[in-house]
Amino acid sequence: MQIGLILSVLMQRVIVFYAQRLFKQDNSRVNRHNLHECKRFYKHLIRPKKYNFQLKNLDSIERLKHCIPKEFGKYFKPPKDKKKKL
């Protein structure tokens, strides 16, 4: 089921790019309307994914209340440089 959803999102993205290309070539009302409809449908597919991602991030931060302090610090410390100065 996930693969079908991912493929539909990718196909819709391709359709939006194609509609943008058509609109740039010919700024007609039909192309403008087609571009608007394609973007609206693409956003309709993407919004739930973005919202679920934000909820997962908030959930991981809320779980920090019950964590060990060492794990809490790992979320808010700046990452260490890979190249250490000698």
Protein backbone atom coordinates (compact mmCIF):
# COMPACT_ATOMS: atom_id res chain seq x y z
CA MET A 1 0.00 0.00 0.00
CA GLN A 2 2.85 2.40 0.83
CA ILE A 3 4.51 1.79 -2.53
CA GLY A 4 1.29 2.66 -4.37
CA LEU A 5 0.96 5.89 -2.40
CA ILE A 6 4.59 6.84 -3.06
CA LEU A 7 4.19 6.13 -6.77
CA SER A 8 1.03 8.22 -6.94
CA VAL A 9 2.84 11.15 -5.27
CA LEU A 10 5.77 10.85 -7.67
CA MET A 11 3.48 10.64 -10.69
CA GLN A 12 1.54 13.67 -9.50
CA ARG A 13 4.81 15.58 -9.11
CA VAL A 14 5.71 14.75 -12.72
CA ILE A 15 2.26 15.92 -13.83
CA VAL A 16 2.75 19.24 -11.98
CA PHE A 17 6.14 19.79 -13.62
CA TYR A 18 4.64 19.06 -17.02
CA ALA A 19 1.77 21.50 -16.36
CA GLN A 20 4.28 24.18 -15.30
CA ARG A 21 6.23 23.67 -18.50
CA LEU A 22 3.08 24.01 -20.58
CA PHE A 23 2.07 27.16 -18.70
CA LYS A 24 5.51 28.74 -19.24
CA GLN A 25 5.28 28.05 -22.96
CA ASP A 26 1.78 29.43 -23.36
CA ASN A 27 0.21 31.60 -20.65
CA SER A 28 -3.38 30.75 -21.53
CA ARG A 29 -6.33 30.41 -19.16
CA VAL A 30 -6.64 26.70 -19.83
CA ASN A 31 -3.01 26.05 -18.94
CA ARG A 32 -3.29 28.24 -15.85
CA HIS A 33 -6.39 26.35 -14.70
CA ASN A 34 -4.73 22.99 -15.40
CA LEU A 35 -1.63 24.03 -13.42
CA HIS A 36 -3.77 25.19 -10.50
CA GLU A 37 -5.72 21.92 -10.42
CA CYS A 38 -2.54 19.82 -10.57
CA LYS A 39 -0.93 21.79 -7.73
CA ARG A 40 -4.08 21.55 -5.63
CA PHE A 41 -4.24 17.78 -6.02
CA TYR A 42 -0.49 17.41 -5.28
CA LYS A 43 -0.81 19.49 -2.10
CA HIS A 44 -3.81 17.38 -1.09
CA LEU A 45 -1.58 14.28 -1.30
CA ILE A 46 1.41 15.83 0.49
CA ARG A 47 -0.24 17.62 3.46
CA PRO A 48 -1.11 14.48 5.48
CA LYS A 49 2.46 13.20 5.09
CA LYS A 50 3.92 16.49 6.37
CA TYR A 51 1.47 16.55 9.27
CA ASN A 52 2.29 12.96 10.27
CA PHE A 53 6.02 13.74 10.14
CA GLN A 54 5.54 16.75 12.45
CA LEU A 55 3.51 14.65 14.88
CA LYS A 56 6.22 11.99 15.00
CA ASN A 57 8.86 14.64 15.77
CA LEU A 58 6.73 16.14 18.53
CA ASP A 59 6.10 12.70 19.97
CA SER A 60 9.84 11.97 20.12
CA ILE A 61 10.46 15.26 21.95
CA GLU A 62 7.60 14.58 24.39
CA ARG A 63 9.07 11.16 25.17
CA LEU A 64 12.21 12.94 26.38
CA LYS A 65 10.40 13.84 29.61
CA HIS A 66 10.78 10.25 30.72
CA CYS A 67 14.31 9.69 29.42
CA ILE A 68 17.73 9.61 30.97
CA PRO A 69 19.39 13.07 31.02
CA LYS A 70 22.17 11.81 28.73
CA GLU A 71 19.63 11.02 26.00
CA PHE A 72 17.97 14.38 26.53
CA GLY A 73 21.26 16.18 25.92
CA LYS A 74 21.87 14.36 22.67
CA TYR A 75 18.92 16.17 21.04
CA PHE A 76 20.10 19.66 21.93
CA LYS A 77 23.90 19.49 21.74
CA PRO A 78 25.60 20.69 18.56
CA PRO A 79 26.97 17.81 16.49
CA LYS A 80 30.67 17.06 16.84
CA ASP A 81 32.96 17.81 13.93
CA LYS A 82 34.08 14.75 12.02
CA LYS A 83 37.46 16.29 11.36
CA LYS A 84 39.25 16.74 14.66
CA LYS A 85 42.00 19.30 14.83
CA LEU A 86 45.31 17.87 15.97
